[in-house]
Amino acid sequence: MTINPKATKRVLIVDDQPHVLDVLREIVGSFRHRHAYEITTARSAADALVILQRERFDLILMDMVMPEIGDPLLTRQGIDLLKRVRDLGVNAPVLIMSGDWESRKEADALIEGAFGYLHKPFDLRELDHLVARAIGCAPHR
């Protein structure tokens, strides 16, 4: 498949665990969906919100459980961040990631407007498929 370098897609990955950011940067960067990926990472919800106020992205991957936002006892901070992202007027597709297999969290994320939900550890085929679908649905800049 030929990659069009002019069709670079921008992806923001938000997770408080540096090793997860590193792994996802490498994996998403290796995908071949007819374009290259430019990847930006944020280690906190606060950092992500600052970045989103000044930059546009074609896709956002964010962890469900992060410090500094929402009620830590609910472990649904990704949904709170998703709401804040939408309040900023960002309409890029959002994929929520979680190591928790609680179906209620997945349903809540989808109800709040997440494009998809990924379980950790990742199934690479599922991640590849969801990224390709989400990028295909991304609004044009």
N, C-alpha and C. Protein backbone atom coordinates (compact mmCIF):
# COMPACT_ATOMS: atom_id res chain seq x y z
N MET A 1 0.84 -1.17 0.00
CA MET A 1 0.00 0.00 0.00
C MET A 1 0.89 1.24 0.00
N THR A 2 0.56 2.21 -0.82
CA THR A 2 1.32 3.45 -0.91
C THR A 2 0.85 4.43 0.15
N ILE A 3 1.80 5.01 0.85
CA ILE A 3 1.46 6.00 1.87
C ILE A 3 1.64 7.38 1.28
N ASN A 4 0.63 8.22 1.44
CA ASN A 4 0.68 9.59 0.96
C ASN A 4 1.14 10.48 2.11
N PRO A 5 2.40 10.96 2.08
CA PRO A 5 2.90 11.77 3.20
C PRO A 5 2.15 13.09 3.37
N LYS A 6 1.48 13.55 2.30
CA LYS A 6 0.71 14.78 2.41
C LYS A 6 -0.60 14.56 3.16
N ALA A 7 -0.99 13.30 3.32
CA ALA A 7 -2.24 12.99 4.01
C ALA A 7 -1.98 12.55 5.44
N THR A 8 -1.04 13.19 6.09
CA THR A 8 -0.71 12.84 7.47
C THR A 8 -1.91 13.10 8.38
N LYS A 9 -2.18 12.16 9.25
CA LYS A 9 -3.27 12.28 10.22
C LYS A 9 -2.66 12.50 11.60
N ARG A 10 -3.24 13.42 12.33
CA ARG A 10 -2.73 13.78 13.66
C ARG A 10 -3.52 13.05 14.74
N VAL A 11 -2.78 12.42 15.66
CA VAL A 11 -3.38 11.63 16.73
C VAL A 11 -2.84 12.13 18.06
N LEU A 12 -3.75 12.35 19.02
CA LEU A 12 -3.38 12.68 20.39
C LEU A 12 -3.66 11.46 21.25
N ILE A 13 -2.65 11.01 21.99
CA ILE A 13 -2.80 9.88 22.91
C ILE A 13 -2.63 10.41 24.33
N VAL A 14 -3.62 10.13 25.18
CA VAL A 14 -3.63 10.63 26.56
C VAL A 14 -3.66 9.45 27.52
N ASP A 15 -2.60 9.32 28.31
CA ASP A 15 -2.53 8.25 29.30
C ASP A 15 -1.51 8.68 30.35
N ASP A 16 -1.75 8.38 31.61
CA ASP A 16 -0.83 8.79 32.67
C ASP A 16 0.33 7.83 32.83
N GLN A 17 0.36 6.76 32.07
CA GLN A 17 1.44 5.78 32.17
C GLN A 17 2.38 5.94 30.97
N PRO A 18 3.62 6.40 31.22
CA PRO A 18 4.56 6.65 30.13
C PRO A 18 4.79 5.45 29.21
N HIS A 19 4.86 4.23 29.79
CA HIS A 19 5.12 3.06 28.94
C HIS A 19 3.95 2.79 27.99
N VAL A 20 2.73 3.08 28.42
CA VAL A 20 1.57 2.92 27.53
C VAL A 20 1.66 3.93 26.38
N LEU A 21 2.05 5.16 26.70
CA LEU A 21 2.22 6.18 25.66
C LEU A 21 3.27 5.74 24.64
N ASP A 22 4.39 5.22 25.14
CA ASP A 22 5.46 4.78 24.24
C ASP A 22 5.00 3.64 23.33
N VAL A 23 4.34 2.66 23.91
CA VAL A 23 3.86 1.51 23.13
C VAL A 23 2.84 1.96 22.09
N LEU A 24 1.88 2.78 22.51
CA LEU A 24 0.85 3.23 21.56
C LEU A 24 1.44 4.11 20.46
N ARG A 25 2.41 4.95 20.81
CA ARG A 25 3.06 5.78 19.79
C ARG A 25 3.68 4.89 18.71
N GLU A 26 4.37 3.83 19.16
CA GLU A 26 5.02 2.93 18.21
C GLU A 26 3.99 2.14 17.39
N ILE A 27 2.98 1.61 18.05
CA ILE A 27 1.99 0.80 17.35
C ILE A 27 1.20 1.63 16.34
N VAL A 28 0.63 2.74 16.79
CA VAL A 28 -0.17 3.56 15.87
C VAL A 28 0.70 4.11 14.75
N GLY A 29 1.93 4.47 15.07
CA GLY A 29 2.84 4.95 14.03
C GLY A 29 3.17 3.90 12.99
N SER A 30 3.01 2.63 13.33
CA SER A 30 3.32 1.55 12.38
C SER A 30 2.14 1.19 11.49
N PHE A 31 0.95 1.67 11.81
CA PHE A 31 -0.23 1.34 11.00
C PHE A 31 -0.06 1.91 9.60
N ARG A 32 -0.58 1.21 8.62
CA ARG A 32 -0.50 1.62 7.22
C ARG A 32 -1.92 1.76 6.67
N HIS A 33 -2.45 2.94 6.81
CA HIS A 33 -3.82 3.21 6.35
C HIS A 33 -3.82 4.27 5.24
N ARG A 34 -2.87 4.20 4.33
CA ARG A 34 -2.75 5.13 3.19
C ARG A 34 -2.28 6.52 3.59
N HIS A 35 -1.82 6.67 4.81
CA HIS A 35 -1.29 7.95 5.26
C HIS A 35 -0.37 7.70 6.46
N ALA A 36 0.42 8.69 6.75
CA ALA A 36 1.30 8.61 7.92
C ALA A 36 0.57 9.19 9.13
N TYR A 37 1.07 8.86 10.31
CA TYR A 37 0.50 9.39 11.54
C TYR A 37 1.51 10.28 12.24
N GLU A 38 1.06 11.45 12.63
CA GLU A 38 1.84 12.34 13.49
C GLU A 38 1.22 12.22 14.87
N ILE A 39 2.01 11.78 15.84
CA ILE A 39 1.46 11.46 17.15
C ILE A 39 1.99 12.42 18.21
N THR A 40 1.04 12.95 18.99
CA THR A 40 1.34 13.80 20.14
C THR A 40 0.84 13.05 21.36
N THR A 41 1.57 13.16 22.48
CA THR A 41 1.13 12.48 23.69
C THR A 41 0.95 13.48 24.83
N ALA A 42 0.09 13.11 25.76
CA ALA A 42 -0.14 13.90 26.97
C ALA A 42 -0.25 12.92 28.13
N ARG A 43 0.41 13.27 29.26
CA ARG A 43 0.42 12.38 30.43
C ARG A 43 -0.64 12.74 31.46
N SER A 44 -1.47 13.74 31.16
CA SER A 44 -2.52 14.12 32.11
C SER A 44 -3.68 14.76 31.35
N ALA A 45 -4.82 14.78 32.01
CA ALA A 45 -5.98 15.44 31.43
C ALA A 45 -5.71 16.93 31.24
N ALA A 46 -5.04 17.54 32.21
CA ALA A 46 -4.74 18.97 32.12
C ALA A 46 -3.86 19.26 30.91
N ASP A 47 -2.82 18.45 30.70
CA ASP A 47 -1.95 18.63 29.54
C ASP A 47 -2.74 18.45 28.24
N ALA A 48 -3.60 17.45 28.20
CA ALA A 48 -4.41 17.21 27.00
C ALA A 48 -5.29 18.41 26.68
N LEU A 49 -5.91 18.99 27.68
CA LEU A 49 -6.79 20.13 27.45
C LEU A 49 -6.02 21.34 26.93
N VAL A 50 -4.82 21.56 27.45
CA VAL A 50 -3.99 22.66 26.95
C VAL A 50 -3.64 22.42 25.48
N ILE A 51 -3.22 21.22 25.16
CA ILE A 51 -2.85 20.89 23.78
C ILE A 51 -4.05 21.06 22.86
N LEU A 52 -5.21 20.60 23.29
CA LEU A 52 -6.41 20.67 22.45
C LEU A 52 -6.91 22.09 22.23
N GLN A 53 -6.52 23.02 23.09
CA GLN A 53 -6.91 24.41 22.89
C GLN A 53 -6.09 25.07 21.79
N ARG A 54 -4.94 24.50 21.45
CA ARG A 54 -4.11 25.15 20.44
C ARG A 54 -3.86 24.30 19.19
N GLU A 55 -4.20 23.02 19.23
CA GLU A 55 -3.94 22.14 18.09
C GLU A 55 -5.17 21.33 17.73
N ARG A 56 -5.23 20.92 16.46
CA ARG A 56 -6.33 20.08 15.98
C ARG A 56 -5.80 18.67 15.71
N PHE A 57 -6.68 17.70 15.96
CA PHE A 57 -6.32 16.30 15.77
C PHE A 57 -7.42 15.58 14.99
N ASP A 58 -7.01 14.51 14.31
CA ASP A 58 -7.95 13.69 13.56
C ASP A 58 -8.50 12.55 14.42
N LEU A 59 -7.82 12.26 15.53
CA LEU A 59 -8.22 11.17 16.42
C LEU A 59 -7.61 11.42 17.79
N ILE A 60 -8.36 11.06 18.83
CA ILE A 60 -7.87 11.14 20.21
C ILE A 60 -8.07 9.76 20.85
N LEU A 61 -7.00 9.22 21.41
CA LEU A 61 -7.08 8.00 22.21
C LEU A 61 -6.84 8.42 23.65
N MET A 62 -7.74 8.07 24.55
CA MET A 62 -7.56 8.47 25.95
C MET A 62 -7.90 7.35 26.91
N ASP A 63 -7.16 7.33 27.99
CA ASP A 63 -7.36 6.33 29.04
C ASP A 63 -8.61 6.69 29.84
N MET A 64 -9.27 5.67 30.34
CA MET A 64 -10.48 5.88 31.15
C MET A 64 -10.12 6.35 32.56
N VAL A 65 -9.00 5.88 33.10
CA VAL A 65 -8.65 6.18 34.49
C VAL A 65 -7.37 7.02 34.52
N MET A 66 -7.53 8.28 34.93
CA MET A 66 -6.40 9.21 35.02
C MET A 66 -6.57 10.10 36.24
N PRO A 67 -5.47 10.45 36.87
CA PRO A 67 -5.58 11.38 38.01
C PRO A 67 -5.91 12.78 37.53
N GLU A 68 -6.27 13.64 38.46
CA GLU A 68 -6.46 15.08 38.23
C GLU A 68 -7.79 15.48 37.60
N ILE A 69 -8.68 14.55 37.38
CA ILE A 69 -9.95 14.93 36.77
C ILE A 69 -11.04 14.00 37.28
N GLY A 70 -12.20 14.56 37.56
CA GLY A 70 -13.34 13.75 37.97
C GLY A 70 -13.16 13.12 39.34
N ASP A 71 -14.08 12.27 39.70
CA ASP A 71 -14.09 11.58 40.98
C ASP A 71 -13.22 10.33 40.90
N PRO A 72 -12.10 10.29 41.63
CA PRO A 72 -11.20 9.14 41.53
C PRO A 72 -11.84 7.83 41.99
N LEU A 73 -12.85 7.90 42.81
CA LEU A 73 -13.51 6.67 43.27
C LEU A 73 -14.34 6.02 42.18
N LEU A 74 -14.78 6.82 41.21
CA LEU A 74 -15.60 6.27 40.14
C LEU A 74 -14.76 5.65 39.02
N THR A 75 -13.50 5.99 38.95
CA THR A 75 -12.58 5.53 37.91
C THR A 75 -13.19 5.65 36.51
N ARG A 76 -13.82 6.79 36.28
CA ARG A 76 -14.41 7.09 34.97
C ARG A 76 -13.95 8.46 34.49
N GLN A 77 -12.73 8.83 34.83
CA GLN A 77 -12.24 10.16 34.52
C GLN A 77 -12.18 10.40 33.02
N GLY A 78 -11.99 9.35 32.23
CA GLY A 78 -11.96 9.51 30.78
C GLY A 78 -13.27 10.07 30.25
N ILE A 79 -14.37 9.73 30.88
CA ILE A 79 -15.67 10.27 30.47
C ILE A 79 -15.74 11.75 30.81
N ASP A 80 -15.23 12.14 31.98
CA ASP A 80 -15.19 13.56 32.34
C ASP A 80 -14.31 14.33 31.36
N LEU A 81 -13.16 13.75 31.00
CA LEU A 81 -12.29 14.40 30.03
C LEU A 81 -12.97 14.49 28.66
N LEU A 82 -13.65 13.44 28.26
CA LEU A 82 -14.38 13.46 26.99
C LEU A 82 -15.39 14.61 26.97
N LYS A 83 -16.11 14.79 28.07
CA LYS A 83 -17.08 15.90 28.15
C LYS A 83 -16.39 17.25 28.02
N ARG A 84 -15.24 17.41 28.67
CA ARG A 84 -14.51 18.68 28.59
C ARG A 84 -13.96 18.92 27.19
N VAL A 85 -13.52 17.86 26.54
CA VAL A 85 -13.03 17.96 25.16
C VAL A 85 -14.16 18.45 24.26
N ARG A 86 -15.33 17.89 24.42
CA ARG A 86 -16.48 18.31 23.61
C ARG A 86 -16.88 19.75 23.94
N ASP A 87 -16.77 20.14 25.22
CA ASP A 87 -17.07 21.52 25.62
C ASP A 87 -16.13 22.51 24.94
N LEU A 88 -14.91 22.07 24.60
CA LEU A 88 -13.96 22.91 23.88
C LEU A 88 -14.32 23.04 22.40
N GLY A 89 -15.29 22.26 21.96
CA GLY A 89 -15.68 22.28 20.56
C GLY A 89 -14.88 21.32 19.69
N VAL A 90 -14.13 20.43 20.32
CA VAL A 90 -13.34 19.44 19.58
C VAL A 90 -14.27 18.32 19.16
N ASN A 91 -14.32 18.06 17.85
CA ASN A 91 -15.23 17.00 17.39
C ASN A 91 -14.50 15.82 16.77
N ALA A 92 -13.20 15.69 17.02
CA ALA A 92 -12.44 14.53 16.54
C ALA A 92 -12.98 13.27 17.21
N PRO A 93 -12.95 12.15 16.51
CA PRO A 93 -13.38 10.89 17.14
C PRO A 93 -12.47 10.57 18.33
N VAL A 94 -13.07 10.01 19.37
CA VAL A 94 -12.35 9.66 20.59
C VAL A 94 -12.50 8.17 20.85
N LEU A 95 -11.36 7.51 21.05
CA LEU A 95 -11.36 6.12 21.48
C LEU A 95 -10.95 6.09 22.94
N ILE A 96 -11.78 5.49 23.79
CA ILE A 96 -11.50 5.38 25.22
C ILE A 96 -10.84 4.01 25.46
N MET A 97 -9.78 4.01 26.28
CA MET A 97 -9.06 2.78 26.60
C MET A 97 -9.20 2.50 28.10
N SER A 98 -9.31 1.21 28.44
CA SER A 98 -9.40 0.87 29.85
C SER A 98 -8.95 -0.56 30.09
N GLY A 99 -8.31 -0.75 31.23
CA GLY A 99 -7.96 -2.09 31.67
C GLY A 99 -9.10 -2.76 32.42
N ASP A 100 -10.15 -2.02 32.64
CA ASP A 100 -11.33 -2.51 33.36
C ASP A 100 -12.33 -3.07 32.35
N TRP A 101 -12.84 -4.24 32.61
CA TRP A 101 -13.77 -4.88 31.68
C TRP A 101 -15.22 -4.68 32.10
N GLU A 102 -15.49 -3.66 32.91
CA GLU A 102 -16.86 -3.38 33.35
C GLU A 102 -17.68 -2.85 32.16
N SER A 103 -18.71 -3.56 31.79
CA SER A 103 -19.50 -3.18 30.61
C SER A 103 -20.22 -1.85 30.79
N ARG A 104 -20.52 -1.48 32.03
CA ARG A 104 -21.21 -0.20 32.27
C ARG A 104 -20.33 0.98 31.85
N LYS A 105 -19.04 0.88 32.12
CA LYS A 105 -18.13 1.95 31.73
C LYS A 105 -18.07 2.08 30.21
N GLU A 106 -18.02 0.94 29.55
CA GLU A 106 -17.99 0.96 28.08
C GLU A 106 -19.26 1.60 27.54
N ALA A 107 -20.39 1.20 28.08
CA ALA A 107 -21.66 1.77 27.64
C ALA A 107 -21.71 3.28 27.91
N ASP A 108 -21.27 3.70 29.09
CA ASP A 108 -21.27 5.13 29.42
C ASP A 108 -20.39 5.92 28.46
N ALA A 109 -19.22 5.38 28.12
CA ALA A 109 -18.32 6.06 27.19
C ALA A 109 -18.98 6.24 25.83
N LEU A 110 -19.64 5.21 25.36
CA LEU A 110 -20.31 5.28 24.05
C LEU A 110 -21.50 6.23 24.09
N ILE A 111 -22.25 6.22 25.19
CA ILE A 111 -23.38 7.14 25.35
C ILE A 111 -22.90 8.58 25.34
N GLU A 112 -21.74 8.84 25.94
CA GLU A 112 -21.21 10.21 26.02
C GLU A 112 -20.54 10.65 24.72
N GLY A 113 -20.50 9.77 23.73
CA GLY A 113 -20.00 10.18 22.43
C GLY A 113 -18.65 9.64 22.01
N ALA A 114 -18.11 8.69 22.76
CA ALA A 114 -16.86 8.07 22.32
C ALA A 114 -17.12 7.29 21.03
N PHE A 115 -16.17 7.30 20.12
CA PHE A 115 -16.30 6.56 18.88
C PHE A 115 -16.18 5.06 19.13
N GLY A 116 -15.33 4.71 20.10
CA GLY A 116 -15.13 3.31 20.41
C GLY A 116 -14.46 3.13 21.75
N TYR A 117 -14.34 1.89 22.17
CA TYR A 117 -13.82 1.54 23.48
C TYR A 117 -12.84 0.38 23.29
N LEU A 118 -11.64 0.53 23.82
CA LEU A 118 -10.62 -0.49 23.71
C LEU A 118 -10.26 -1.04 25.08
N HIS A 119 -10.15 -2.35 25.17
CA HIS A 119 -9.76 -2.98 26.42
C HIS A 119 -8.25 -3.21 26.43
N LYS A 120 -7.63 -2.90 27.57
CA LYS A 120 -6.21 -3.22 27.78
C LYS A 120 -6.13 -4.59 28.42
N PRO A 121 -5.21 -5.43 28.05
CA PRO A 121 -4.22 -5.24 26.99
C PRO A 121 -4.91 -5.24 25.62
N PHE A 122 -4.32 -4.51 24.69
CA PHE A 122 -4.94 -4.31 23.39
C PHE A 122 -4.86 -5.55 22.51
N ASP A 123 -5.92 -5.77 21.79
CA ASP A 123 -5.90 -6.69 20.66
C ASP A 123 -5.46 -5.81 19.49
N LEU A 124 -4.28 -6.06 18.94
CA LEU A 124 -3.73 -5.17 17.91
C LEU A 124 -4.61 -5.08 16.68
N ARG A 125 -5.28 -6.16 16.32
CA ARG A 125 -6.19 -6.10 15.16
C ARG A 125 -7.37 -5.19 15.45
N GLU A 126 -7.90 -5.25 16.67
CA GLU A 126 -9.02 -4.39 17.04
C GLU A 126 -8.57 -2.93 17.06
N LEU A 127 -7.40 -2.65 17.63
CA LEU A 127 -6.88 -1.30 17.66
C LEU A 127 -6.68 -0.78 16.24
N ASP A 128 -6.07 -1.57 15.38
CA ASP A 128 -5.86 -1.19 13.98
C ASP A 128 -7.20 -0.88 13.31
N HIS A 129 -8.16 -1.75 13.48
CA HIS A 129 -9.48 -1.58 12.87
C HIS A 129 -10.18 -0.31 13.38
N LEU A 130 -10.18 -0.11 14.68
CA LEU A 130 -10.85 1.07 15.24
C LEU A 130 -10.17 2.37 14.82
N VAL A 131 -8.84 2.39 14.79
CA VAL A 131 -8.14 3.59 14.35
C VAL A 131 -8.48 3.89 12.90
N ALA A 132 -8.45 2.87 12.05
CA ALA A 132 -8.77 3.07 10.63
C ALA A 132 -10.20 3.58 10.46
N ARG A 133 -11.15 2.99 11.18
CA ARG A 133 -12.55 3.44 11.08
C ARG A 133 -12.72 4.86 11.60
N ALA A 134 -12.09 5.15 12.73
CA ALA A 134 -12.22 6.49 13.32
C ALA A 134 -11.62 7.55 12.42
N ILE A 135 -10.44 7.27 11.86
CA ILE A 135 -9.78 8.22 10.97
C ILE A 135 -10.64 8.43 9.73
N GLY A 136 -11.29 7.39 9.25
CA GLY A 136 -12.18 7.50 8.10
C GLY A 136 -13.39 8.38 8.39
N CYS A 137 -13.76 8.50 9.65
CA CYS A 137 -14.92 9.32 10.06
C CYS A 137 -14.51 10.69 10.57
N ALA A 138 -13.21 10.96 10.63
CA ALA A 138 -12.72 12.23 11.18
C ALA A 138 -13.19 13.38 10.31
N PRO A 139 -13.63 14.49 10.92
CA PRO A 139 -14.02 15.66 10.14
C PRO A 139 -12.81 16.24 9.42
N HIS A 140 -13.03 16.79 8.26
CA HIS A 140 -11.93 17.40 7.50
C HIS A 140 -11.56 18.72 8.13
N ARG A 141 -10.26 18.99 8.14
CA ARG A 141 -9.79 20.25 8.73
C ARG A 141 -9.90 21.38 7.75
